[in-house]
Amino acid sequence: MLKNQPYYSLSNHFKEFFGEKVYKVSLEGGFTCPNRDGFLAFGGCTFCSQDGSLSPGVDPLVSIPEQIRKGQNFLSHRYGAKKFVAYFQSFTNTYAPVSELKQKYELALEQPNIVGISISTRPDCVPNETLDIIADISEKHYTWLELGLQTIHDETNKFLNRWHSFADFEDAVQRAAQRNLRVCAHVILYLPGENITHMTQTIQTLAQMPIHGIKIHLLHVIKKTALAQQYIQGLITLPTQDEYVQTVCNFLEILPPSLIIHRLTGETSADEMIAPLWALQKASVIRGIQAELERRQSYQGKNFNP
């Protein structure tokens, strides 16, 4: 599966599935979150900006087709991209009536050169009727359901103002598996109050679950967030680049070799970042992970124990 690569990247998976490189076009679908609108809480996650996880350059005020057109133009000029996956990225992209979800998903899939869809959401926001819509789409189109777990530890998620549980995630994964959906789990490393033991427990647990991909983020301290205030108060400890590289390599070794690695570190704009500043050099972090795996003569799944 790895084709002489130390880990099974999403890029390699796309090449295998589509026969060529495919790029994700980030979209803002006009959704919010239950921890923003008062259903569960206000303010959103402590680490999340007012734009959610929206990629820089995406204009939430324009239509979905126009967002796709602009994203495709940028990726085509920069990378020569020809095929794209519509990625509903910011906020909770299943948090709306099913009729609205269906309309927006299908609108994105109707656009030229869109070969699939990826939907990012919370594990407590995927009722059966929503999963049924996504399952129907998956029968005709390449599809990912991305679930923001972040950690299996409920107390941490409460501290982050997320207010969903690991039991919610387990339930969502089980119901998605019953519908043969591809599931990608999001995790964040070095969350407040978590040490290596906490993080290892999260990764080991995911390694045994019926998921198909994982997206590993590094905790970023972004301006105008609750996390930024905690960082200023000295309540947040962040790793050095070498510490992060070592941790990611350790976790790659215990993940199944067939699990698709969507991401190994997060990214944000330099204008928004407070810390860690070394994370702005994403390519350097990725090279460090690859170099460390080579130094160890190691690879994804080396220490996987089913």
C-alpha atoms as a PDB file:
ATOM      1  CA  MET A   1       0.000   0.000   0.000  1.00  0.00           C
ATOM      2  CA  LEU A   2       2.829   2.418   0.799  1.00  0.00           C
ATOM      3  CA  LYS A   3       4.595   2.095  -2.560  1.00  0.00           C
ATOM      4  CA  ASN A   4       8.032   2.777  -1.066  1.00  0.00           C
ATOM      5  CA  GLN A   5       6.684   5.690   0.972  1.00  0.00           C
ATOM      6  CA  PRO A   6       7.093   5.788   4.780  1.00  0.00           C
ATOM      7  CA  TYR A   7       3.402   6.517   5.251  1.00  0.00           C
ATOM      8  CA  TYR A   8       0.216   6.218   3.217  1.00  0.00           C
ATOM      9  CA  SER A   9      -0.617   9.812   2.323  1.00  0.00           C
ATOM     10  CA  LEU A  10      -3.902  11.114   0.972  1.00  0.00           C
ATOM     11  CA  SER A  11      -2.004  12.268  -2.104  1.00  0.00           C
ATOM     12  CA  ASN A  12      -0.864   8.696  -2.796  1.00  0.00           C
ATOM     13  CA  HIS A  13      -4.384   7.430  -2.197  1.00  0.00           C
ATOM     14  CA  PHE A  14      -5.797   9.923  -4.698  1.00  0.00           C
ATOM     15  CA  LYS A  15      -3.240   8.829  -7.297  1.00  0.00           C
ATOM     16  CA  GLU A  16      -4.212   5.190  -6.767  1.00  0.00           C
ATOM     17  CA  PHE A  17      -7.937   5.878  -6.890  1.00  0.00           C
ATOM     18  CA  PHE A  18      -8.121   8.468  -9.675  1.00  0.00           C
ATOM     19  CA  GLY A  19      -4.941   7.700 -11.585  1.00  0.00           C
ATOM     20  CA  GLU A  20      -3.615  11.243 -11.100  1.00  0.00           C
ATOM     21  CA  LYS A  21      -3.179  13.957  -8.491  1.00  0.00           C
ATOM     22  CA  VAL A  22      -6.387  15.389  -7.073  1.00  0.00           C
ATOM     23  CA  TYR A  23      -6.688  18.522  -4.945  1.00  0.00           C
ATOM     24  CA  LYS A  24      -9.239  19.566  -2.327  1.00  0.00           C
ATOM     25  CA  VAL A  25     -11.069  22.860  -2.854  1.00  0.00           C
ATOM     26  CA  SER A  26     -11.979  24.351   0.533  1.00  0.00           C
ATOM     27  CA  LEU A  27     -15.524  25.672   0.886  1.00  0.00           C
ATOM     28  CA  GLU A  28     -17.526  27.703   3.384  1.00  0.00           C
ATOM     29  CA  GLY A  29     -21.070  26.370   3.257  1.00  0.00           C
ATOM     30  CA  GLY A  30     -22.718  28.942   5.495  1.00  0.00           C
ATOM     31  CA  PHE A  31     -23.049  26.676   8.540  1.00  0.00           C
ATOM     32  CA  THR A  32     -22.425  27.334  12.226  1.00  0.00           C
ATOM     33  CA  CYS A  33     -21.805  25.041  15.227  1.00  0.00           C
ATOM     34  CA  PRO A  34     -23.870  23.969  18.251  1.00  0.00           C
ATOM     35  CA  ASN A  35     -21.160  25.340  20.535  1.00  0.00           C
ATOM     36  CA  ARG A  36     -21.458  28.736  18.849  1.00  0.00           C
ATOM     37  CA  ASP A  37     -25.194  29.305  18.475  1.00  0.00           C
ATOM     38  CA  GLY A  38     -26.100  28.441  22.067  1.00  0.00           C
ATOM     39  CA  PHE A  39     -27.506  24.962  21.497  1.00  0.00           C
ATOM     40  CA  LEU A  40     -24.612  23.576  23.554  1.00  0.00           C
ATOM     41  CA  ALA A  41     -22.507  26.659  24.257  1.00  0.00           C
ATOM     42  CA  PHE A  42     -21.366  30.004  22.895  1.00  0.00           C
ATOM     43  CA  GLY A  43     -18.055  31.146  21.478  1.00  0.00           C
ATOM     44  CA  GLY A  44     -17.003  27.994  19.650  1.00  0.00           C
ATOM     45  CA  CYS A  45     -13.910  25.923  20.392  1.00  0.00           C
ATOM     46  CA  THR A  46     -11.230  27.766  22.341  1.00  0.00           C
ATOM     47  CA  PHE A  47      -8.687  27.214  19.557  1.00  0.00           C
ATOM     48  CA  CYS A  48     -11.004  28.222  16.719  1.00  0.00           C
ATOM     49  CA  SER A  49     -11.076  31.661  15.092  1.00  0.00           C
ATOM     50  CA  GLN A  50     -14.274  33.447  14.130  1.00  0.00           C
ATOM     51  CA  ASP A  51     -13.835  32.035  10.615  1.00  0.00           C
ATOM     52  CA  GLY A  52     -13.727  28.469  11.912  1.00  0.00           C
ATOM     53  CA  SER A  53     -11.155  26.364  10.077  1.00  0.00           C
ATOM     54  CA  LEU A  54     -11.673  28.288   6.855  1.00  0.00           C
ATOM     55  CA  SER A  55      -8.646  28.249   4.603  1.00  0.00           C
ATOM     56  CA  PRO A  56      -7.027  31.612   3.831  1.00  0.00           C
ATOM     57  CA  GLY A  57      -8.268  33.067   0.587  1.00  0.00           C
ATOM     58  CA  VAL A  58     -11.751  31.541   0.754  1.00  0.00           C
ATOM     59  CA  ASP A  59     -14.460  34.197   0.606  1.00  0.00           C
ATOM     60  CA  PRO A  60     -17.514  33.030   2.587  1.00  0.00           C
ATOM     61  CA  LEU A  61     -19.652  35.776   1.066  1.00  0.00           C
ATOM     62  CA  VAL A  62     -19.651  34.321  -2.442  1.00  0.00           C
ATOM     63  CA  SER A  63     -21.659  31.357  -3.696  1.00  0.00           C
ATOM     64  CA  ILE A  64     -20.465  27.765  -3.562  1.00  0.00           C
ATOM     65  CA  PRO A  65     -19.975  27.600  -7.359  1.00  0.00           C
ATOM     66  CA  GLU A  66     -17.933  30.810  -7.257  1.00  0.00           C
ATOM     67  CA  GLN A  67     -15.826  29.546  -4.343  1.00  0.00           C
ATOM     68  CA  ILE A  68     -15.135  26.386  -6.345  1.00  0.00           C
ATOM     69  CA  ARG A  69     -14.260  28.346  -9.481  1.00  0.00           C
ATOM     70  CA  LYS A  70     -11.820  30.559  -7.614  1.00  0.00           C
ATOM     71  CA  GLY A  71     -10.283  27.606  -5.769  1.00  0.00           C
ATOM     72  CA  GLN A  72      -9.856  25.631  -8.956  1.00  0.00           C
ATOM     73  CA  ASN A  73      -8.245  28.579 -10.735  1.00  0.00           C
ATOM     74  CA  PHE A  74      -5.732  29.017  -7.912  1.00  0.00           C
ATOM     75  CA  LEU A  75      -4.845  25.303  -7.733  1.00  0.00           C
ATOM     76  CA  SER A  76      -4.678  24.966 -11.490  1.00  0.00           C
ATOM     77  CA  HIS A  77      -2.277  27.873 -11.882  1.00  0.00           C
ATOM     78  CA  ARG A  78      -0.114  26.860  -8.933  1.00  0.00           C
ATOM     79  CA  TYR A  79      -0.032  23.064  -9.318  1.00  0.00           C
ATOM     80  CA  GLY A  80      -1.521  22.294 -12.716  1.00  0.00           C
ATOM     81  CA  ALA A  81      -4.476  20.609 -10.995  1.00  0.00           C
ATOM     82  CA  LYS A  82      -7.240  19.156 -13.171  1.00  0.00           C
ATOM     83  CA  LYS A  83      -9.451  17.211 -10.754  1.00  0.00           C
ATOM     84  CA  PHE A  84     -10.844  18.378  -7.436  1.00  0.00           C
ATOM     85  CA  VAL A  85     -12.682  17.223  -4.333  1.00  0.00           C
ATOM     86  CA  ALA A  86     -15.170  19.732  -2.902  1.00  0.00           C
ATOM     87  CA  TYR A  87     -14.199  20.117   0.752  1.00  0.00           C
ATOM     88  CA  PHE A  88     -16.828  21.562   3.105  1.00  0.00           C
ATOM     89  CA  GLN A  89     -14.289  22.636   5.698  1.00  0.00           C
ATOM     90  CA  SER A  90     -15.255  25.437   8.056  1.00  0.00           C
ATOM     91  CA  PHE A  91     -17.585  25.041  11.035  1.00  0.00           C
ATOM     92  CA  THR A  92     -20.010  22.071  11.296  1.00  0.00           C
ATOM     93  CA  ASN A  93     -21.025  21.070   7.786  1.00  0.00           C
ATOM     94  CA  THR A  94     -23.913  18.791   8.750  1.00  0.00           C
ATOM     95  CA  TYR A  95     -25.525  21.231  11.166  1.00  0.00           C
ATOM     96  CA  ALA A  96     -28.605  22.147   9.120  1.00  0.00           C
ATOM     97  CA  PRO A  97     -31.859  20.608   7.876  1.00  0.00           C
ATOM     98  CA  VAL A  98     -31.275  17.662   5.578  1.00  0.00           C
ATOM     99  CA  SER A  99     -32.942  19.462   2.669  1.00  0.00           C
ATOM    100  CA  GLU A 100     -30.392  22.282   2.916  1.00  0.00           C
ATOM    101  CA  LEU A 101     -27.499  19.836   3.225  1.00  0.00           C
ATOM    102  CA  LYS A 102     -28.602  17.869   0.183  1.00  0.00           C
ATOM    103  CA  GLN A 103     -28.970  21.017  -1.901  1.00  0.00           C
ATOM    104  CA  LYS A 104     -25.522  22.352  -1.006  1.00  0.00           C
ATOM    105  CA  TYR A 105     -23.704  19.035  -1.400  1.00  0.00           C
ATOM    106  CA  GLU A 106     -25.297  18.368  -4.789  1.00  0.00           C
ATOM    107  CA  LEU A 107     -24.615  21.924  -5.952  1.00  0.00           C
ATOM    108  CA  ALA A 108     -20.910  21.435  -5.232  1.00  0.00           C
ATOM    109  CA  LEU A 109     -20.825  18.065  -6.988  1.00  0.00           C
ATOM    110  CA  GLU A 110     -22.449  19.551 -10.107  1.00  0.00           C
ATOM    111  CA  GLN A 111     -19.520  21.895 -10.725  1.00  0.00           C
ATOM    112  CA  PRO A 112     -16.996  21.136 -13.496  1.00  0.00           C
ATOM    113  CA  ASN A 113     -14.025  18.883 -12.641  1.00  0.00           C
ATOM    114  CA  ILE A 114     -15.367  18.024  -9.170  1.00  0.00           C
ATOM    115  CA  VAL A 115     -14.770  14.280  -8.704  1.00  0.00           C
ATOM    116  CA  GLY A 116     -15.808  13.901  -5.073  1.00  0.00           C
ATOM    117  CA  ILE A 117     -16.821  15.490  -1.829  1.00  0.00           C
ATOM    118  CA  SER A 118     -15.421  15.671   1.710  1.00  0.00           C
ATOM    119  CA  ILE A 119     -17.644  16.825   4.574  1.00  0.00           C
ATOM    120  CA  SER A 120     -16.114  17.954   7.868  1.00  0.00           C
ATOM    121  CA  THR A 121     -18.323  17.939  10.958  1.00  0.00           C
ATOM    122  CA  ARG A 122     -18.725  17.079  14.631  1.00  0.00           C
ATOM    123  CA  PRO A 123     -19.483  13.510  15.753  1.00  0.00           C
ATOM    124  CA  ASP A 124     -22.593  14.681  17.598  1.00  0.00           C
ATOM    125  CA  CYS A 125     -24.075  16.298  14.471  1.00  0.00           C
ATOM    126  CA  VAL A 126     -24.631  13.304  12.199  1.00  0.00           C
ATOM    127  CA  PRO A 127     -28.146  11.954  12.826  1.00  0.00           C
ATOM    128  CA  ASN A 128     -29.242   8.959  10.790  1.00  0.00           C
ATOM    129  CA  GLU A 129     -31.142  11.018   8.226  1.00  0.00           C
ATOM    130  CA  THR A 130     -27.985  13.037   7.536  1.00  0.00           C
ATOM    131  CA  LEU A 131     -25.846   9.917   7.227  1.00  0.00           C
ATOM    132  CA  ASP A 132     -28.437   8.492   4.836  1.00  0.00           C
ATOM    133  CA  ILE A 133     -28.060  11.505   2.543  1.00  0.00           C
ATOM    134  CA  ILE A 134     -24.276  11.223   2.605  1.00  0.00           C
ATOM    135  CA  ALA A 135     -24.520   7.469   1.985  1.00  0.00           C
ATOM    136  CA  ASP A 136     -26.754   8.094  -1.029  1.00  0.00           C
ATOM    137  CA  ILE A 137     -24.176  10.523  -2.388  1.00  0.00           C
ATOM    138  CA  SER A 138     -21.369   8.021  -1.767  1.00  0.00           C
ATOM    139  CA  GLU A 139     -23.052   5.495  -4.059  1.00  0.00           C
ATOM    140  CA  LYS A 140     -22.520   7.878  -6.983  1.00  0.00           C
ATOM    141  CA  HIS A 141     -19.555  10.003  -5.917  1.00  0.00           C
ATOM    142  CA  TYR A 142     -16.250   9.595  -4.132  1.00  0.00           C
ATOM    143  CA  THR A 143     -17.001  10.668  -0.531  1.00  0.00           C
ATOM    144  CA  TRP A 144     -15.329  11.301   2.836  1.00  0.00           C
ATOM    145  CA  LEU A 145     -16.995  12.021   6.164  1.00  0.00           C
ATOM    146  CA  GLU A 146     -14.514  13.850   8.397  1.00  0.00           C
ATOM    147  CA  LEU A 147     -15.281  13.737  12.125  1.00  0.00           C
ATOM    148  CA  GLY A 148     -13.606  16.159  14.521  1.00  0.00           C
ATOM    149  CA  LEU A 149     -12.720  14.026  17.524  1.00  0.00           C
ATOM    150  CA  GLN A 150      -9.545  15.898  18.648  1.00  0.00           C
ATOM    151  CA  THR A 151      -9.090  13.610  21.672  1.00  0.00           C
ATOM    152  CA  ILE A 152     -10.798  10.626  23.302  1.00  0.00           C
ATOM    153  CA  HIS A 153     -10.627  12.410  26.662  1.00  0.00           C
ATOM    154  CA  ASP A 154     -13.952  14.079  27.443  1.00  0.00           C
ATOM    155  CA  GLU A 155     -12.556  16.428  30.084  1.00  0.00           C
ATOM    156  CA  THR A 156     -10.187  17.912  27.510  1.00  0.00           C
ATOM    157  CA  ASN A 157     -12.997  18.496  25.027  1.00  0.00           C
ATOM    158  CA  LYS A 158     -15.027  20.212  27.750  1.00  0.00           C
ATOM    159  CA  PHE A 159     -12.077  22.485  28.478  1.00  0.00           C
ATOM    160  CA  LEU A 160     -11.951  23.257  24.744  1.00  0.00           C
ATOM    161  CA  ASN A 161     -15.649  24.241  24.855  1.00  0.00           C
ATOM    162  CA  ARG A 162     -16.524  21.470  22.379  1.00  0.00           C
ATOM    163  CA  TRP A 163     -19.121  19.604  24.479  1.00  0.00           C
ATOM    164  CA  HIS A 164     -19.230  16.308  22.638  1.00  0.00           C
ATOM    165  CA  SER A 165     -18.044  12.999  24.045  1.00  0.00           C
ATOM    166  CA  PHE A 166     -15.948  10.119  22.839  1.00  0.00           C
ATOM    167  CA  ALA A 167     -19.136   8.039  23.044  1.00  0.00           C
ATOM    168  CA  ASP A 168     -20.629  10.388  20.422  1.00  0.00           C
ATOM    169  CA  PHE A 169     -17.658   9.647  18.171  1.00  0.00           C
ATOM    170  CA  GLU A 170     -17.907   5.882  18.673  1.00  0.00           C
ATOM    171  CA  ASP A 171     -21.604   5.983  17.847  1.00  0.00           C
ATOM    172  CA  ALA A 172     -21.072   8.110  14.726  1.00  0.00           C
ATOM    173  CA  VAL A 173     -18.279   5.842  13.455  1.00  0.00           C
ATOM    174  CA  GLN A 174     -20.394   2.743  14.000  1.00  0.00           C
ATOM    175  CA  ARG A 175     -23.387   4.167  12.140  1.00  0.00           C
ATOM    176  CA  ALA A 176     -21.135   5.435   9.330  1.00  0.00           C
ATOM    177  CA  ALA A 177     -19.562   1.976   9.038  1.00  0.00           C
ATOM    178  CA  GLN A 178     -23.023   0.456   8.673  1.00  0.00           C
ATOM    179  CA  ARG A 179     -23.423   2.672   5.598  1.00  0.00           C
ATOM    180  CA  ASN A 180     -19.945   1.874   4.198  1.00  0.00           C
ATOM    181  CA  LEU A 181     -18.804   5.480   4.477  1.00  0.00           C
ATOM    182  CA  ARG A 182     -15.159   6.491   4.435  1.00  0.00           C
ATOM    183  CA  VAL A 183     -14.444   8.134   7.783  1.00  0.00           C
ATOM    184  CA  CYS A 184     -11.490  10.385   8.594  1.00  0.00           C
ATOM    185  CA  ALA A 185     -10.865  11.228  12.261  1.00  0.00           C
ATOM    186  CA  HIS A 186      -9.378  14.602  13.229  1.00  0.00           C
ATOM    187  CA  VAL A 187      -7.049  14.731  16.225  1.00  0.00           C
ATOM    188  CA  ILE A 188      -5.064  17.591  17.744  1.00  0.00           C
ATOM    189  CA  LEU A 189      -1.785  16.925  19.494  1.00  0.00           C
ATOM    190  CA  TYR A 190      -0.541  18.792  22.579  1.00  0.00           C
ATOM    191  CA  LEU A 191      -3.938  19.978  23.722  1.00  0.00           C
ATOM    192  CA  PRO A 192      -4.067  21.808  27.084  1.00  0.00           C
ATOM    193  CA  GLY A 193      -3.625  19.416  29.996  1.00  0.00           C
ATOM    194  CA  GLU A 194      -2.667  16.449  27.811  1.00  0.00           C
ATOM    195  CA  ASN A 195       0.664  14.650  27.948  1.00  0.00           C
ATOM    196  CA  ILE A 196       2.182  11.879  25.839  1.00  0.00           C
ATOM    197  CA  THR A 197       0.102   9.258  27.642  1.00  0.00           C
ATOM    198  CA  HIS A 198      -3.177  11.034  26.781  1.00  0.00           C
ATOM    199  CA  MET A 199      -2.191  11.463  23.142  1.00  0.00           C
ATOM    200  CA  THR A 200      -0.975   7.880  22.821  1.00  0.00           C
ATOM    201  CA  GLN A 201      -4.262   6.600  24.221  1.00  0.00           C
ATOM    202  CA  THR A 202      -6.141   8.575  21.577  1.00  0.00           C
ATOM    203  CA  ILE A 203      -4.012   7.254  18.708  1.00  0.00           C
ATOM    204  CA  GLN A 204      -4.045   3.664  19.973  1.00  0.00           C
ATOM    205  CA  THR A 205      -7.814   3.775  20.291  1.00  0.00           C
ATOM    206  CA  LEU A 206      -8.275   5.103  16.767  1.00  0.00           C
ATOM    207  CA  ALA A 207      -5.910   2.429  15.448  1.00  0.00           C
ATOM    208  CA  GLN A 208      -8.462  -0.202  16.468  1.00  0.00           C
ATOM    209  CA  MET A 209     -11.571   1.520  15.099  1.00  0.00           C
ATOM    210  CA  PRO A 210     -13.261   1.083  11.686  1.00  0.00           C
ATOM    211  CA  ILE A 211     -12.001   4.367  10.249  1.00  0.00           C
ATOM    212  CA  HIS A 212     -10.230   4.870   6.945  1.00  0.00           C
ATOM    213  CA  GLY A 213      -8.190   8.020   7.487  1.00  0.00           C
ATOM    214  CA  ILE A 214      -6.728  10.319  10.103  1.00  0.00           C
ATOM    215  CA  LYS A 215      -5.908  14.006  10.088  1.00  0.00           C
ATOM    216  CA  ILE A 216      -3.257  14.945  12.652  1.00  0.00           C
ATOM    217  CA  HIS A 217      -3.162  18.601  13.680  1.00  0.00           C
ATOM    218  CA  LEU A 218      -0.704  20.492  15.822  1.00  0.00           C
ATOM    219  CA  LEU A 219      -2.356  22.803  18.326  1.00  0.00           C
ATOM    220  CA  HIS A 220      -2.068  26.363  17.031  1.00  0.00           C
ATOM    221  CA  VAL A 221      -2.526  29.455  19.137  1.00  0.00           C
ATOM    222  CA  ILE A 222      -4.377  31.895  16.902  1.00  0.00           C
ATOM    223  CA  LYS A 223      -5.108  35.553  17.528  1.00  0.00           C
ATOM    224  CA  LYS A 224      -8.496  36.576  18.931  1.00  0.00           C
ATOM    225  CA  THR A 225      -9.265  33.179  20.453  1.00  0.00           C
ATOM    226  CA  ALA A 226      -9.842  32.018  24.014  1.00  0.00           C
ATOM    227  CA  LEU A 227      -6.769  29.819  23.622  1.00  0.00           C
ATOM    228  CA  ALA A 228      -4.675  32.919  22.928  1.00  0.00           C
ATOM    229  CA  GLN A 229      -5.632  34.354  26.318  1.00  0.00           C
ATOM    230  CA  GLN A 230      -4.747  31.071  28.018  1.00  0.00           C
ATOM    231  CA  TYR A 231      -1.380  31.091  26.230  1.00  0.00           C
ATOM    232  CA  ILE A 232      -0.658  34.651  27.366  1.00  0.00           C
ATOM    233  CA  GLN A 233      -1.486  33.575  30.925  1.00  0.00           C
ATOM    234  CA  GLY A 234       1.059  30.751  30.670  1.00  0.00           C
ATOM    235  CA  LEU A 235      -1.535  27.975  30.737  1.00  0.00           C
ATOM    236  CA  ILE A 236      -0.527  26.421  27.398  1.00  0.00           C
ATOM    237  CA  THR A 237       2.673  24.456  26.764  1.00  0.00           C
ATOM    238  CA  LEU A 238       3.611  23.797  23.153  1.00  0.00           C
ATOM    239  CA  PRO A 239       6.263  21.404  21.808  1.00  0.00           C
ATOM    240  CA  THR A 240       9.425  22.218  19.941  1.00  0.00           C
ATOM    241  CA  GLN A 241       9.535  21.157  16.317  1.00  0.00           C
ATOM    242  CA  ASP A 242      11.760  18.188  17.163  1.00  0.00           C
ATOM    243  CA  GLU A 243       9.423  17.060  19.946  1.00  0.00           C
ATOM    244  CA  TYR A 244       6.482  17.231  17.561  1.00  0.00           C
ATOM    245  CA  VAL A 245       8.345  15.311  14.850  1.00  0.00           C
ATOM    246  CA  GLN A 246       9.282  12.551  17.306  1.00  0.00           C
ATOM    247  CA  THR A 247       5.693  12.290  18.553  1.00  0.00           C
ATOM    248  CA  VAL A 248       4.186  12.058  15.076  1.00  0.00           C
ATOM    249  CA  CYS A 249       6.683   9.389  14.035  1.00  0.00           C
ATOM    250  CA  ASN A 250       5.886   7.373  17.153  1.00  0.00           C
ATOM    251  CA  PHE A 251       2.203   7.541  16.320  1.00  0.00           C
ATOM    252  CA  LEU A 252       2.664   6.657  12.648  1.00  0.00           C
ATOM    253  CA  GLU A 253       4.419   3.493  13.756  1.00  0.00           C
ATOM    254  CA  ILE A 254       1.387   2.290  15.736  1.00  0.00           C
ATOM    255  CA  LEU A 255      -1.272   3.169  13.164  1.00  0.00           C
ATOM    256  CA  PRO A 256      -2.483   0.546  10.656  1.00  0.00           C
ATOM    257  CA  PRO A 257      -0.470   0.633   7.418  1.00  0.00           C
ATOM    258  CA  SER A 258      -3.686   0.909   5.385  1.00  0.00           C
ATOM    259  CA  LEU A 259      -4.944   4.005   7.230  1.00  0.00           C
ATOM    260  CA  ILE A 260      -4.816   7.046   4.933  1.00  0.00           C
ATOM    261  CA  ILE A 261      -2.883   9.962   6.420  1.00  0.00           C
ATOM    262  CA  HIS A 262      -4.748  13.124   5.414  1.00  0.00           C
ATOM    263  CA  ARG A 263      -2.509  15.502   7.332  1.00  0.00           C
ATOM    264  CA  LEU A 264       0.545  15.434   9.612  1.00  0.00           C
ATOM    265  CA  THR A 265       0.447  19.003  10.866  1.00  0.00           C
ATOM    266  CA  GLY A 266      -1.912  21.943  10.782  1.00  0.00           C
ATOM    267  CA  GLU A 267      -1.387  25.257   9.060  1.00  0.00           C
ATOM    268  CA  THR A 268      -2.645  28.805   9.310  1.00  0.00           C
ATOM    269  CA  SER A 269      -1.665  32.223   8.033  1.00  0.00           C
ATOM    270  CA  ALA A 270       1.307  34.096   9.460  1.00  0.00           C
ATOM    271  CA  ASP A 271      -0.965  37.057  10.208  1.00  0.00           C
ATOM    272  CA  GLU A 272      -3.097  34.936  12.546  1.00  0.00           C
ATOM    273  CA  MET A 273      -0.466  32.769  14.233  1.00  0.00           C
ATOM    274  CA  ILE A 274       0.819  33.467  17.731  1.00  0.00           C
ATOM    275  CA  ALA A 275       2.558  30.146  18.434  1.00  0.00           C
ATOM    276  CA  PRO A 276       4.359  27.943  17.670  1.00  0.00           C
ATOM    277  CA  LEU A 277       5.962  30.033  14.953  1.00  0.00           C
ATOM    278  CA  TRP A 278       8.011  27.089  13.651  1.00  0.00           C
ATOM    279  CA  ALA A 279       4.730  25.527  12.499  1.00  0.00           C
ATOM    280  CA  LEU A 280       4.452  28.181   9.796  1.00  0.00           C
ATOM    281  CA  GLN A 281       7.159  26.248   7.930  1.00  0.00           C
ATOM    282  CA  LYS A 282       4.922  23.296   7.105  1.00  0.00           C
ATOM    283  CA  ALA A 283       7.255  21.860   4.472  1.00  0.00           C
ATOM    284  CA  SER A 284      10.099  21.833   6.990  1.00  0.00           C
ATOM    285  CA  VAL A 285       7.955  19.912   9.489  1.00  0.00           C
ATOM    286  CA  ILE A 286       6.983  17.319   6.880  1.00  0.00           C
ATOM    287  CA  ARG A 287      10.609  16.911   5.792  1.00  0.00           C
ATOM    288  CA  GLY A 288      11.563  16.457   9.432  1.00  0.00           C
ATOM    289  CA  ILE A 289       9.022  13.656   9.857  1.00  0.00           C
ATOM    290  CA  GLN A 290      10.190  11.915   6.711  1.00  0.00           C
ATOM    291  CA  ALA A 291      13.846  12.293   7.694  1.00  0.00           C
ATOM    292  CA  GLU A 292      13.198  10.912  11.174  1.00  0.00           C
ATOM    293  CA  LEU A 293      11.364   7.877   9.800  1.00  0.00           C
ATOM    294  CA  GLU A 294      14.274   7.285   7.425  1.00  0.00           C
ATOM    295  CA  ARG A 295      16.771   7.658  10.273  1.00  0.00           C
ATOM    296  CA  ARG A 296      14.837   5.073  12.274  1.00  0.00           C
ATOM    297  CA  GLN A 297      14.438   2.872   9.194  1.00  0.00           C
ATOM    298  CA  SER A 298      10.792   2.917  10.143  1.00  0.00           C
ATOM    299  CA  TYR A 299       7.379   3.361   8.534  1.00  0.00           C
ATOM    300  CA  GLN A 300       3.660   3.589   9.224  1.00  0.00           C
ATOM    301  CA  GLY A 301       2.376   0.421  10.855  1.00  0.00           C
ATOM    302  CA  LYS A 302       5.760  -0.923  11.953  1.00  0.00           C
ATOM    303  CA  ASN A 303       4.511  -1.372  15.508  1.00  0.00           C
ATOM    304  CA  PHE A 304       0.815  -1.763  14.737  1.00  0.00           C
ATOM    305  CA  ASN A 305      -0.769  -4.390  16.961  1.00  0.00           C
ATOM    306  CA  PRO A 306      -4.301  -5.324  15.831  1.00  0.00           C
END
